[in-house]
Amino acid sequence: MTPEILQQLRDRATDVRARWEALLRIEPTSGPLANPDTLALLIPQTLAQLLHSLVHRPAIRMTLAAAHAIRPPGCGCGYNPFVAYYVAAEQALVETVILIQAGLPAAVRIESDVAEMVSAVRRTACAEIKTFCGICRHKGLVSDCLYPSQGT
């Protein structure tokens, strides 16, 4: 991601958090752990983690097609709060990158800035969703669970 876009994302962190929280509140909840009031408390830390990951990425230009090929897992039982959390995150962050780009000359707007944001959110979502599903008490109880029953 270009340093200018990354800096503007940092400068707009308050706006990103507000938009992320607003989007989180309109996502359907999947249980008490998906309470938007609770999940909103995680946004500042997750945003910092995402921005940090963008600083330490290899300088390879990513395409949107490659970024969209990263598919966070679903949750078979529907209780994983991170599914909706990262859907809202991706939308808020991509919207912000596009708004930043809209204020720049056309010559410096590059697809890879959006693609790298999508990729960062989705890679983090994959890890968080898998971790949560790994400790879920409903693990293995539904056919499309990430962690099928081991025949207990």
N, C-alpha and C. Protein backbone atom coordinates (compact mmCIF):
# COMPACT_ATOMS: atom_id res chain seq x y z
N MET A 1 0.85 -1.17 0.00
CA MET A 1 0.00 0.00 0.00
C MET A 1 0.90 1.23 0.00
N THR A 2 0.49 2.23 -0.75
CA THR A 2 1.31 3.43 -0.83
C THR A 2 1.32 4.15 0.52
N PRO A 3 2.47 4.70 0.88
CA PRO A 3 2.57 5.38 2.18
C PRO A 3 1.57 6.51 2.36
N GLU A 4 1.23 7.21 1.29
CA GLU A 4 0.28 8.32 1.38
C GLU A 4 -1.11 7.82 1.79
N ILE A 5 -1.54 6.74 1.18
CA ILE A 5 -2.86 6.17 1.50
C ILE A 5 -2.85 5.66 2.94
N LEU A 6 -1.78 5.00 3.32
CA LEU A 6 -1.68 4.47 4.67
C LEU A 6 -1.73 5.59 5.71
N GLN A 7 -1.04 6.68 5.44
CA GLN A 7 -1.06 7.81 6.37
C GLN A 7 -2.45 8.42 6.45
N GLN A 8 -3.12 8.54 5.33
CA GLN A 8 -4.47 9.11 5.35
C GLN A 8 -5.44 8.18 6.08
N LEU A 9 -5.22 6.88 5.98
CA LEU A 9 -6.04 5.93 6.75
C LEU A 9 -5.82 6.16 8.25
N ARG A 10 -4.57 6.34 8.64
CA ARG A 10 -4.28 6.62 10.05
C ARG A 10 -4.96 7.93 10.49
N ASP A 11 -4.87 8.93 9.63
CA ASP A 11 -5.47 10.23 9.95
C ASP A 11 -6.99 10.14 10.08
N ARG A 12 -7.60 9.19 9.38
CA ARG A 12 -9.05 9.04 9.39
C ARG A 12 -9.52 7.89 10.29
N ALA A 13 -8.67 7.45 11.19
CA ALA A 13 -8.99 6.29 12.04
C ALA A 13 -10.30 6.48 12.80
N THR A 14 -10.56 7.67 13.30
CA THR A 14 -11.80 7.92 14.05
C THR A 14 -13.01 7.72 13.14
N ASP A 15 -12.93 8.24 11.92
CA ASP A 15 -14.04 8.07 10.97
C ASP A 15 -14.22 6.61 10.58
N VAL A 16 -13.10 5.90 10.38
CA VAL A 16 -13.16 4.48 10.03
C VAL A 16 -13.84 3.70 11.15
N ARG A 17 -13.43 3.96 12.38
CA ARG A 17 -14.04 3.25 13.53
C ARG A 17 -15.54 3.53 13.61
N ALA A 18 -15.94 4.77 13.40
CA ALA A 18 -17.36 5.12 13.47
C ALA A 18 -18.14 4.41 12.36
N ARG A 19 -17.61 4.39 11.16
CA ARG A 19 -18.29 3.73 10.04
C ARG A 19 -18.35 2.22 10.27
N TRP A 20 -17.26 1.63 10.73
CA TRP A 20 -17.19 0.20 11.01
C TRP A 20 -18.24 -0.16 12.04
N GLU A 21 -18.33 0.62 13.11
CA GLU A 21 -19.32 0.34 14.15
C GLU A 21 -20.73 0.48 13.61
N ALA A 22 -20.98 1.49 12.79
CA ALA A 22 -22.32 1.67 12.21
C ALA A 22 -22.68 0.48 11.34
N LEU A 23 -21.75 0.02 10.54
CA LEU A 23 -22.01 -1.15 9.69
C LEU A 23 -22.21 -2.41 10.54
N LEU A 24 -21.45 -2.52 11.59
CA LEU A 24 -21.57 -3.67 12.49
C LEU A 24 -22.95 -3.74 13.12
N ARG A 25 -23.51 -2.59 13.41
CA ARG A 25 -24.83 -2.54 14.04
C ARG A 25 -25.96 -2.93 13.08
N ILE A 26 -25.73 -2.89 11.77
CA ILE A 26 -26.78 -3.31 10.84
C ILE A 26 -26.61 -4.74 10.36
N GLU A 27 -25.47 -5.37 10.70
CA GLU A 27 -25.27 -6.78 10.37
C GLU A 27 -26.16 -7.62 11.29
N PRO A 28 -26.73 -8.70 10.76
CA PRO A 28 -27.52 -9.57 11.64
C PRO A 28 -26.62 -10.20 12.72
N THR A 29 -27.12 -10.25 13.94
CA THR A 29 -26.34 -10.85 15.02
C THR A 29 -26.61 -12.34 15.10
N SER A 30 -25.60 -13.05 15.57
CA SER A 30 -25.70 -14.51 15.63
C SER A 30 -25.68 -15.04 17.05
N GLY A 31 -25.95 -14.21 17.99
CA GLY A 31 -25.96 -14.64 19.37
C GLY A 31 -25.36 -13.57 20.27
N PRO A 32 -25.30 -13.84 21.56
CA PRO A 32 -24.85 -12.83 22.51
C PRO A 32 -23.40 -12.38 22.29
N LEU A 33 -22.56 -13.24 21.76
CA LEU A 33 -21.17 -12.83 21.52
C LEU A 33 -21.04 -11.87 20.35
N ALA A 34 -22.06 -11.79 19.52
CA ALA A 34 -22.04 -10.88 18.37
C ALA A 34 -22.69 -9.54 18.70
N ASN A 35 -22.81 -9.24 19.96
CA ASN A 35 -23.38 -7.97 20.39
C ASN A 35 -22.51 -6.83 19.86
N PRO A 36 -23.08 -5.94 19.06
CA PRO A 36 -22.28 -4.84 18.49
C PRO A 36 -21.59 -3.97 19.54
N ASP A 37 -22.22 -3.80 20.71
CA ASP A 37 -21.60 -3.00 21.77
C ASP A 37 -20.29 -3.65 22.23
N THR A 38 -20.28 -4.96 22.28
CA THR A 38 -19.08 -5.69 22.69
C THR A 38 -18.04 -5.69 21.57
N LEU A 39 -18.46 -6.02 20.37
CA LEU A 39 -17.53 -6.09 19.24
C LEU A 39 -16.91 -4.73 18.93
N ALA A 40 -17.66 -3.66 19.14
CA ALA A 40 -17.13 -2.31 18.86
C ALA A 40 -15.90 -2.01 19.70
N LEU A 41 -15.80 -2.63 20.87
CA LEU A 41 -14.63 -2.43 21.73
C LEU A 41 -13.36 -2.99 21.09
N LEU A 42 -13.50 -3.92 20.18
CA LEU A 42 -12.35 -4.54 19.53
C LEU A 42 -11.84 -3.76 18.32
N ILE A 43 -12.64 -2.84 17.83
CA ILE A 43 -12.31 -2.14 16.58
C ILE A 43 -10.98 -1.40 16.64
N PRO A 44 -10.69 -0.59 17.66
CA PRO A 44 -9.41 0.13 17.65
C PRO A 44 -8.19 -0.79 17.55
N GLN A 45 -8.22 -1.88 18.30
CA GLN A 45 -7.09 -2.81 18.27
C GLN A 45 -6.98 -3.50 16.92
N THR A 46 -8.11 -3.93 16.37
CA THR A 46 -8.09 -4.60 15.08
C THR A 46 -7.64 -3.64 13.99
N LEU A 47 -8.11 -2.41 14.02
CA LEU A 47 -7.71 -1.42 13.03
C LEU A 47 -6.20 -1.19 13.10
N ALA A 48 -5.67 -1.05 14.28
CA ALA A 48 -4.22 -0.87 14.44
C ALA A 48 -3.46 -2.07 13.88
N GLN A 49 -3.97 -3.27 14.15
CA GLN A 49 -3.34 -4.50 13.66
C GLN A 49 -3.37 -4.53 12.12
N LEU A 50 -4.50 -4.17 11.53
CA LEU A 50 -4.61 -4.18 10.07
C LEU A 50 -3.66 -3.17 9.44
N LEU A 51 -3.62 -1.96 9.98
CA LEU A 51 -2.72 -0.94 9.43
C LEU A 51 -1.27 -1.35 9.59
N HIS A 52 -0.94 -1.95 10.72
CA HIS A 52 0.42 -2.45 10.94
C HIS A 52 0.78 -3.53 9.91
N SER A 53 -0.17 -4.41 9.63
CA SER A 53 0.11 -5.48 8.66
C SER A 53 0.36 -4.92 7.26
N LEU A 54 -0.26 -3.79 6.94
CA LEU A 54 -0.06 -3.18 5.63
C LEU A 54 1.33 -2.55 5.50
N VAL A 55 1.87 -2.09 6.60
CA VAL A 55 3.21 -1.51 6.57
C VAL A 55 4.25 -2.59 6.29
N HIS A 56 4.03 -3.77 6.80
CA HIS A 56 5.01 -4.84 6.73
C HIS A 56 4.71 -5.87 5.64
N ARG A 57 4.02 -5.45 4.61
CA ARG A 57 3.72 -6.34 3.47
C ARG A 57 4.83 -6.20 2.45
N PRO A 58 5.11 -7.28 1.71
CA PRO A 58 6.08 -7.16 0.62
C PRO A 58 5.57 -6.17 -0.43
N ALA A 59 6.47 -5.53 -1.10
CA ALA A 59 6.11 -4.52 -2.10
C ALA A 59 5.70 -5.18 -3.42
N ILE A 60 4.66 -5.98 -3.36
CA ILE A 60 4.13 -6.66 -4.55
C ILE A 60 2.76 -6.07 -4.82
N ARG A 61 2.53 -5.67 -6.03
CA ARG A 61 1.22 -5.11 -6.38
C ARG A 61 0.20 -6.22 -6.50
N MET A 62 -0.84 -6.13 -5.72
CA MET A 62 -1.90 -7.14 -5.72
C MET A 62 -3.06 -6.65 -6.55
N THR A 63 -3.74 -7.58 -7.20
CA THR A 63 -4.93 -7.23 -7.97
C THR A 63 -6.17 -7.47 -7.09
N LEU A 64 -7.25 -6.83 -7.46
CA LEU A 64 -8.51 -7.07 -6.75
C LEU A 64 -8.96 -8.52 -6.91
N ALA A 65 -8.73 -9.09 -8.08
CA ALA A 65 -9.11 -10.50 -8.29
C ALA A 65 -8.37 -11.40 -7.31
N ALA A 66 -7.08 -11.16 -7.11
CA ALA A 66 -6.31 -11.97 -6.16
C ALA A 66 -6.80 -11.75 -4.73
N ALA A 67 -7.11 -10.51 -4.39
CA ALA A 67 -7.59 -10.22 -3.03
C ALA A 67 -8.95 -10.87 -2.79
N HIS A 68 -9.83 -10.79 -3.78
CA HIS A 68 -11.16 -11.39 -3.62
C HIS A 68 -11.13 -12.91 -3.63
N ALA A 69 -10.02 -13.49 -4.11
CA ALA A 69 -9.88 -14.94 -4.08
C ALA A 69 -9.65 -15.46 -2.66
N ILE A 70 -9.23 -14.58 -1.77
CA ILE A 70 -9.07 -14.95 -0.36
C ILE A 70 -10.46 -14.99 0.24
N ARG A 71 -10.89 -16.15 0.64
CA ARG A 71 -12.26 -16.32 1.15
C ARG A 71 -12.23 -16.70 2.62
N PRO A 72 -12.65 -15.78 3.49
CA PRO A 72 -12.75 -16.16 4.90
C PRO A 72 -13.77 -17.28 5.03
N PRO A 73 -13.52 -18.19 5.95
CA PRO A 73 -14.47 -19.30 6.11
C PRO A 73 -15.79 -18.82 6.68
N GLY A 74 -16.82 -19.56 6.38
CA GLY A 74 -18.11 -19.31 7.00
C GLY A 74 -18.14 -20.02 8.34
N CYS A 75 -19.22 -19.90 9.01
CA CYS A 75 -19.38 -20.56 10.31
C CYS A 75 -20.62 -21.43 10.21
N GLY A 76 -20.42 -22.73 10.27
CA GLY A 76 -21.52 -23.67 10.12
C GLY A 76 -22.63 -23.51 11.14
N CYS A 77 -22.27 -23.26 12.39
CA CYS A 77 -23.29 -23.15 13.43
C CYS A 77 -23.88 -21.74 13.50
N GLY A 78 -23.19 -20.76 12.92
CA GLY A 78 -23.70 -19.39 12.91
C GLY A 78 -23.41 -18.59 14.15
N TYR A 79 -22.60 -19.09 15.07
CA TYR A 79 -22.33 -18.38 16.31
C TYR A 79 -21.04 -17.57 16.32
N ASN A 80 -20.28 -17.62 15.25
CA ASN A 80 -19.00 -16.92 15.23
C ASN A 80 -19.24 -15.43 14.99
N PRO A 81 -18.95 -14.58 15.97
CA PRO A 81 -19.21 -13.15 15.82
C PRO A 81 -18.26 -12.46 14.86
N PHE A 82 -17.14 -13.11 14.54
CA PHE A 82 -16.15 -12.47 13.69
C PHE A 82 -16.53 -12.48 12.22
N VAL A 83 -17.49 -13.29 11.83
CA VAL A 83 -17.93 -13.28 10.43
C VAL A 83 -18.51 -11.91 10.10
N ALA A 84 -19.48 -11.45 10.85
CA ALA A 84 -20.09 -10.14 10.62
C ALA A 84 -19.11 -9.00 10.91
N TYR A 85 -18.29 -9.19 11.91
CA TYR A 85 -17.30 -8.18 12.31
C TYR A 85 -16.38 -7.83 11.15
N TYR A 86 -15.88 -8.85 10.45
CA TYR A 86 -14.95 -8.60 9.36
C TYR A 86 -15.64 -8.21 8.06
N VAL A 87 -16.90 -8.57 7.88
CA VAL A 87 -17.66 -8.06 6.74
C VAL A 87 -17.78 -6.54 6.88
N ALA A 88 -18.12 -6.09 8.08
CA ALA A 88 -18.24 -4.66 8.34
C ALA A 88 -16.89 -3.97 8.22
N ALA A 89 -15.85 -4.61 8.70
CA ALA A 89 -14.50 -4.04 8.62
C ALA A 89 -14.09 -3.81 7.17
N GLU A 90 -14.27 -4.83 6.36
CA GLU A 90 -13.87 -4.71 4.95
C GLU A 90 -14.61 -3.58 4.27
N GLN A 91 -15.91 -3.49 4.48
CA GLN A 91 -16.68 -2.44 3.83
C GLN A 91 -16.23 -1.06 4.29
N ALA A 92 -16.05 -0.86 5.58
CA ALA A 92 -15.64 0.44 6.10
C ALA A 92 -14.27 0.85 5.58
N LEU A 93 -13.34 -0.08 5.56
CA LEU A 93 -11.99 0.24 5.13
C LEU A 93 -11.88 0.45 3.63
N VAL A 94 -12.57 -0.37 2.86
CA VAL A 94 -12.53 -0.20 1.40
C VAL A 94 -13.20 1.12 1.02
N GLU A 95 -14.32 1.43 1.64
CA GLU A 95 -14.98 2.73 1.39
C GLU A 95 -14.00 3.87 1.66
N THR A 96 -13.28 3.78 2.75
CA THR A 96 -12.36 4.86 3.12
C THR A 96 -11.21 4.98 2.13
N VAL A 97 -10.65 3.86 1.71
CA VAL A 97 -9.57 3.91 0.71
C VAL A 97 -10.08 4.54 -0.59
N ILE A 98 -11.27 4.17 -0.99
CA ILE A 98 -11.84 4.73 -2.23
C ILE A 98 -12.10 6.22 -2.08
N LEU A 99 -12.59 6.65 -0.93
CA LEU A 99 -12.80 8.08 -0.70
C LEU A 99 -11.47 8.85 -0.70
N ILE A 100 -10.45 8.25 -0.13
CA ILE A 100 -9.13 8.89 -0.14
C ILE A 100 -8.65 9.00 -1.59
N GLN A 101 -8.77 7.91 -2.33
CA GLN A 101 -8.33 7.92 -3.72
C GLN A 101 -9.10 8.94 -4.56
N ALA A 102 -10.36 9.12 -4.27
CA ALA A 102 -11.17 10.08 -5.03
C ALA A 102 -10.63 11.50 -4.92
N GLY A 103 -9.95 11.79 -3.84
CA GLY A 103 -9.37 13.11 -3.64
C GLY A 103 -7.98 13.27 -4.23
N LEU A 104 -7.47 12.22 -4.85
CA LEU A 104 -6.12 12.25 -5.43
C LEU A 104 -6.19 12.38 -6.94
N PRO A 105 -5.13 12.85 -7.55
CA PRO A 105 -5.09 12.86 -9.02
C PRO A 105 -5.22 11.44 -9.57
N ALA A 106 -5.87 11.31 -10.69
CA ALA A 106 -6.11 9.99 -11.30
C ALA A 106 -4.82 9.21 -11.51
N ALA A 107 -3.74 9.89 -11.78
CA ALA A 107 -2.47 9.22 -12.07
C ALA A 107 -1.90 8.46 -10.87
N VAL A 108 -2.30 8.82 -9.66
CA VAL A 108 -1.75 8.14 -8.47
C VAL A 108 -2.73 7.17 -7.83
N ARG A 109 -3.91 7.04 -8.39
CA ARG A 109 -4.88 6.06 -7.88
C ARG A 109 -4.53 4.70 -8.44
N ILE A 110 -4.26 3.75 -7.55
CA ILE A 110 -3.91 2.41 -8.03
C ILE A 110 -4.79 1.36 -7.38
N GLU A 111 -5.15 0.38 -8.19
CA GLU A 111 -6.01 -0.71 -7.74
C GLU A 111 -5.40 -1.46 -6.57
N SER A 112 -4.09 -1.58 -6.57
CA SER A 112 -3.45 -2.40 -5.54
C SER A 112 -3.66 -1.85 -4.13
N ASP A 113 -3.90 -0.54 -3.98
CA ASP A 113 -4.18 -0.01 -2.64
C ASP A 113 -5.48 -0.60 -2.09
N VAL A 114 -6.50 -0.66 -2.93
CA VAL A 114 -7.78 -1.26 -2.51
C VAL A 114 -7.59 -2.76 -2.31
N ALA A 115 -6.88 -3.39 -3.25
CA ALA A 115 -6.67 -4.84 -3.18
C ALA A 115 -5.91 -5.24 -1.92
N GLU A 116 -4.90 -4.46 -1.56
CA GLU A 116 -4.12 -4.78 -0.36
C GLU A 116 -4.97 -4.62 0.90
N MET A 117 -5.89 -3.67 0.90
CA MET A 117 -6.78 -3.51 2.05
C MET A 117 -7.70 -4.72 2.16
N VAL A 118 -8.30 -5.11 1.04
CA VAL A 118 -9.18 -6.29 1.04
C VAL A 118 -8.39 -7.50 1.52
N SER A 119 -7.20 -7.67 1.01
CA SER A 119 -6.37 -8.81 1.38
C SER A 119 -6.05 -8.81 2.87
N ALA A 120 -5.66 -7.67 3.41
CA ALA A 120 -5.31 -7.58 4.83
C ALA A 120 -6.50 -7.94 5.71
N VAL A 121 -7.67 -7.40 5.37
CA VAL A 121 -8.86 -7.69 6.17
C VAL A 121 -9.20 -9.17 6.07
N ARG A 122 -9.17 -9.71 4.87
CA ARG A 122 -9.57 -11.11 4.69
C ARG A 122 -8.57 -12.09 5.31
N ARG A 123 -7.29 -11.80 5.24
CA ARG A 123 -6.30 -12.69 5.87
C ARG A 123 -6.49 -12.68 7.39
N THR A 124 -6.72 -11.51 7.94
CA THR A 124 -6.95 -11.42 9.39
C THR A 124 -8.26 -12.11 9.75
N ALA A 125 -9.30 -11.91 8.95
CA ALA A 125 -10.59 -12.56 9.19
C ALA A 125 -10.44 -14.07 9.19
N CYS A 126 -9.70 -14.60 8.23
CA CYS A 126 -9.51 -16.06 8.16
C CYS A 126 -8.94 -16.59 9.47
N ALA A 127 -7.90 -15.94 9.96
CA ALA A 127 -7.25 -16.39 11.19
C ALA A 127 -8.19 -16.28 12.39
N GLU A 128 -8.88 -15.14 12.52
CA GLU A 128 -9.75 -14.93 13.68
C GLU A 128 -10.96 -15.86 13.67
N ILE A 129 -11.55 -16.03 12.50
CA ILE A 129 -12.73 -16.91 12.39
C ILE A 129 -12.34 -18.35 12.71
N LYS A 130 -11.22 -18.80 12.16
CA LYS A 130 -10.77 -20.18 12.43
C LYS A 130 -10.44 -20.38 13.91
N THR A 131 -9.80 -19.39 14.51
CA THR A 131 -9.46 -19.50 15.93
C THR A 131 -10.72 -19.60 16.78
N PHE A 132 -11.68 -18.72 16.52
CA PHE A 132 -12.91 -18.76 17.30
C PHE A 132 -13.64 -20.08 17.09
N CYS A 133 -13.74 -20.53 15.85
CA CYS A 133 -14.43 -21.80 15.59
C CYS A 133 -13.71 -22.97 16.26
N GLY A 134 -12.41 -22.85 16.42
CA GLY A 134 -11.64 -23.91 17.07
C GLY A 134 -11.96 -24.09 18.54
N ILE A 135 -12.48 -23.05 19.17
CA ILE A 135 -12.81 -23.16 20.60
C ILE A 135 -14.32 -23.16 20.85
N CYS A 136 -15.09 -23.14 19.78
CA CYS A 136 -16.54 -23.07 19.89
C CYS A 136 -17.11 -24.32 20.56
N ARG A 137 -18.07 -24.14 21.42
CA ARG A 137 -18.69 -25.30 22.09
C ARG A 137 -19.63 -26.05 21.16
N HIS A 138 -19.95 -25.47 20.01
CA HIS A 138 -20.79 -26.14 19.02
C HIS A 138 -19.95 -26.87 17.97
N LYS A 139 -18.64 -26.89 18.18
CA LYS A 139 -17.71 -27.48 17.22
C LYS A 139 -18.11 -28.91 16.87
N GLY A 140 -18.22 -29.15 15.57
CA GLY A 140 -18.52 -30.48 15.09
C GLY A 140 -19.97 -30.89 15.14
N LEU A 141 -20.87 -30.01 15.58
CA LEU A 141 -22.28 -30.37 15.72
C LEU A 141 -23.09 -30.16 14.44
N VAL A 142 -22.54 -29.42 13.49
CA VAL A 142 -23.23 -29.21 12.22
C VAL A 142 -22.35 -29.72 11.09
N SER A 143 -22.97 -30.10 9.99
CA SER A 143 -22.23 -30.74 8.91
C SER A 143 -21.19 -29.84 8.24
N ASP A 144 -21.43 -28.55 8.18
CA ASP A 144 -20.46 -27.68 7.51
C ASP A 144 -19.57 -26.91 8.48
N CYS A 145 -19.36 -27.49 9.66
CA CYS A 145 -18.45 -26.90 10.65
C CYS A 145 -17.01 -26.98 10.13
N LEU A 146 -16.22 -25.96 10.45
CA LEU A 146 -14.80 -25.99 10.09
C LEU A 146 -14.06 -27.13 10.78
N TYR A 147 -14.58 -27.55 11.92
CA TYR A 147 -13.94 -28.59 12.72
C TYR A 147 -14.92 -29.74 12.91
N PRO A 148 -14.99 -30.63 11.92
CA PRO A 148 -15.96 -31.73 12.01
C PRO A 148 -15.69 -32.63 13.24
N SER A 149 -16.75 -33.27 13.66
CA SER A 149 -16.67 -34.17 14.80
C SER A 149 -15.67 -35.28 14.53
N GLN A 150 -14.95 -35.65 15.55
CA GLN A 150 -13.95 -36.72 15.43
C GLN A 150 -14.51 -38.06 15.90
N GLY A 151 -15.82 -38.20 15.86
CA GLY A 151 -16.45 -39.48 16.23
C GLY A 151 -16.42 -39.78 17.70
N THR A 152 -16.63 -38.78 18.54
CA THR A 152 -16.60 -39.00 19.99
C THR A 152 -17.79 -39.76 20.48
